[in-house]
Amino acid sequence: MAQVIIPADNSPSVQSAKDSVQTWTFILVRHGEKQTGSDPELNQQGTLRAQRLADMLQHIPLDKVYSTDYRRTQLTAAPTAKNQNLAVTSYDPSDLEGFSQTLMQQPGRYLIVGHGNTMIVLAKKLSQQIDFAKMDFTEDYDRLYFVEVNIIDGKRTNSVYRFSY
């Protein structure tokens, strides 16, 4: 059964009652290069990397920007959040299982800034993939994981891409 929807601009579109599509896009990055100390800020290179990320994502409308409470992650997320007129929402990196379940409750596009030892774990949880050949923990700051989850008529598909930026 098809349903005709007429939005405010009066251009009709057709939706099928049996076509059900939900899409989540997760962009996961490690914080930028940091200074030394127990909760350091970004160094000059890390600040430049945070701005590069914001520039890269400026044409991708995000629904939410997440970061851990550490200064280095908050400062990495801040330029992108500012460009998109969003607040940075904190999450607990010690509860990635709970965080991934929370993320999967609402389809959307999300930037998630974390740490070298948590981003790959979160990517695996979100994509439900266990075997990530050559995608284990890294000390590299330039890793960006792009995870897309689609549920179409109840069937889930996952895609995972890794980039350097």
Protein backbone atom coordinates (compact mmCIF):
# COMPACT_ATOMS: atom_id res chain seq x y z
CA MET A 1 0.00 0.00 0.00
CA ALA A 2 1.43 3.39 -0.97
CA GLN A 3 0.80 6.54 0.95
CA VAL A 4 1.04 9.97 -0.68
CA ILE A 5 2.63 12.54 1.57
CA ILE A 6 2.35 16.22 0.72
CA PRO A 7 4.95 18.28 2.57
CA ALA A 8 4.67 22.00 3.27
CA ASP A 9 6.09 22.87 -0.17
CA ASN A 10 3.18 20.94 -1.82
CA SER A 11 5.43 18.53 -3.75
CA PRO A 12 3.93 15.04 -3.35
CA SER A 13 6.10 12.05 -2.60
CA VAL A 14 5.15 8.40 -2.42
CA GLN A 15 6.06 6.13 0.47
CA SER A 16 5.31 2.44 0.63
CA ALA A 17 4.07 1.10 3.94
CA LYS A 18 6.35 -1.92 3.55
CA ASP A 19 9.49 0.11 2.78
CA SER A 20 11.17 0.68 6.11
CA VAL A 21 14.65 2.18 6.02
CA GLN A 22 16.74 3.33 8.96
CA THR A 23 20.29 4.62 8.55
CA TRP A 24 22.97 5.42 11.09
CA THR A 25 26.29 7.01 10.13
CA PHE A 26 29.06 7.07 12.71
CA ILE A 27 32.29 8.97 12.18
CA LEU A 28 34.76 7.85 14.83
CA VAL A 29 38.09 9.59 15.40
CA ARG A 30 40.83 9.60 17.96
CA HIS A 31 41.59 12.93 19.61
CA GLY A 32 44.26 15.11 18.05
CA GLU A 33 47.90 15.18 19.12
CA LYS A 34 48.24 16.24 22.73
CA GLN A 35 50.59 17.96 25.12
CA THR A 36 51.93 16.03 28.12
CA GLY A 37 50.29 15.68 31.51
CA SER A 38 47.40 13.84 33.16
CA ASP A 39 44.60 15.60 31.20
CA PRO A 40 46.47 17.52 28.53
CA GLU A 41 45.16 19.93 25.96
CA LEU A 42 45.95 19.58 22.27
CA ASN A 43 49.32 20.70 20.99
CA GLN A 44 49.61 22.86 17.87
CA GLN A 45 49.44 19.87 15.51
CA GLY A 46 46.40 18.49 17.37
CA THR A 47 44.63 21.85 17.13
CA LEU A 48 45.30 21.93 13.39
CA ARG A 49 44.00 18.36 13.06
CA ALA A 50 40.79 19.26 14.94
CA GLN A 51 40.21 22.16 12.54
CA ARG A 52 40.98 19.91 9.55
CA LEU A 53 38.32 17.49 10.80
CA ALA A 54 35.79 20.32 11.11
CA ASP A 55 36.61 21.51 7.59
CA MET A 56 36.30 17.97 6.25
CA LEU A 57 32.88 17.45 7.84
CA GLN A 58 31.41 20.88 7.13
CA HIS A 59 29.19 19.56 4.33
CA ILE A 60 27.95 16.53 6.26
CA PRO A 61 25.05 17.59 8.48
CA LEU A 62 25.52 15.92 11.85
CA ASP A 63 22.80 15.24 14.39
CA LYS A 64 25.11 15.04 17.38
CA VAL A 65 28.78 15.33 18.38
CA TYR A 66 30.05 13.08 21.18
CA SER A 67 33.29 13.19 23.13
CA THR A 68 34.73 11.79 26.31
CA ASP A 69 35.24 14.29 29.15
CA TYR A 70 38.98 14.62 28.58
CA ARG A 71 40.25 18.01 27.40
CA ARG A 72 42.01 16.54 24.36
CA THR A 73 38.80 14.89 23.07
CA GLN A 74 36.60 17.88 23.88
CA LEU A 75 39.02 20.18 22.05
CA THR A 76 39.11 17.85 19.06
CA ALA A 77 35.30 17.80 18.86
CA ALA A 78 34.76 21.52 19.50
CA PRO A 79 35.50 23.00 16.03
CA THR A 80 33.16 20.54 14.29
CA ALA A 81 30.42 21.11 16.87
CA LYS A 82 30.81 24.87 16.50
CA ASN A 83 30.63 24.67 12.68
CA GLN A 84 27.42 22.63 12.95
CA ASN A 85 25.85 24.70 15.76
CA LEU A 86 25.81 21.67 18.04
CA ALA A 87 26.85 21.10 21.63
CA VAL A 88 29.43 18.44 22.46
CA THR A 89 27.75 15.66 24.44
CA SER A 90 29.95 13.64 26.79
CA TYR A 91 29.98 9.84 26.97
CA ASP A 92 31.71 7.35 29.24
CA PRO A 93 34.49 5.46 27.41
CA SER A 94 34.43 2.74 30.08
CA ASP A 95 30.87 1.74 29.03
CA LEU A 96 31.14 1.32 25.26
CA GLU A 97 28.50 -1.42 25.28
CA GLY A 98 25.91 0.87 26.85
CA PHE A 99 26.99 3.80 24.68
CA SER A 100 26.67 1.75 21.47
CA GLN A 101 23.17 0.65 22.53
CA THR A 102 22.21 4.28 23.17
CA LEU A 103 23.55 5.33 19.75
CA MET A 104 21.52 2.63 17.99
CA GLN A 105 18.24 3.90 19.46
CA GLN A 106 17.98 6.85 17.05
CA PRO A 107 19.04 6.82 13.38
CA GLY A 108 21.21 9.77 12.43
CA ARG A 109 24.72 11.05 11.69
CA TYR A 110 27.13 11.20 14.60
CA LEU A 111 30.72 12.31 15.18
CA ILE A 112 32.33 10.44 18.07
CA VAL A 113 35.72 11.54 19.40
CA GLY A 114 37.53 9.11 21.65
CA HIS A 115 40.85 7.42 22.24
CA GLY A 116 43.17 5.08 20.38
CA ASN A 117 42.18 2.15 22.60
CA THR A 118 38.41 2.75 22.37
CA MET A 119 37.60 3.75 18.79
CA ILE A 120 38.24 0.34 17.24
CA VAL A 121 36.25 -1.33 20.03
CA LEU A 122 33.33 1.02 19.44
CA ALA A 123 33.54 0.51 15.66
CA LYS A 124 33.33 -3.26 16.21
CA LYS A 125 30.33 -2.91 18.53
CA LEU A 126 28.42 -0.55 16.24
CA SER A 127 29.06 -2.60 13.11
CA GLN A 128 28.65 -5.97 14.87
CA GLN A 129 31.85 -7.10 13.19
CA ILE A 130 34.53 -8.93 15.10
CA ASP A 131 37.25 -9.51 12.52
CA PHE A 132 38.83 -6.18 11.64
CA ALA A 133 42.01 -7.31 9.93
CA LYS A 134 44.70 -4.62 10.17
CA MET A 135 42.41 -2.37 12.21
CA ASP A 136 43.65 -3.02 15.72
CA PHE A 137 44.70 -0.46 18.32
CA THR A 138 46.97 2.19 16.91
CA GLU A 139 48.90 5.14 18.27
CA ASP A 140 48.18 7.02 15.03
CA TYR A 141 46.19 10.22 15.42
CA ASP A 142 44.99 10.35 11.83
CA ARG A 143 42.56 7.41 11.85
CA LEU A 144 38.94 8.03 10.95
CA TYR A 145 36.44 5.18 10.99
CA PHE A 146 33.24 5.59 9.00
CA VAL A 147 30.60 3.08 10.10
CA GLU A 148 27.26 2.94 8.33
CA VAL A 149 24.41 0.78 9.57
CA ASN A 150 21.29 0.31 7.48
CA ILE A 151 18.17 -1.55 8.47
CA ILE A 152 15.98 -2.07 5.43
CA ASP A 153 12.72 -3.93 5.95
CA GLY A 154 14.15 -5.46 9.12
CA LYS A 155 17.43 -6.63 7.51
CA ARG A 156 20.62 -5.09 8.87
CA THR A 157 23.68 -4.32 6.76
CA ASN A 158 26.91 -2.79 8.00
CA SER A 159 29.77 -1.04 6.24
CA VAL A 160 33.05 0.01 7.82
CA TYR A 161 35.67 2.20 6.19
CA ARG A 162 38.98 3.44 7.56
CA PHE A 163 40.62 6.64 6.38
CA SER A 164 43.54 8.84 7.32
CA TYR A 165 42.96 12.56 7.60
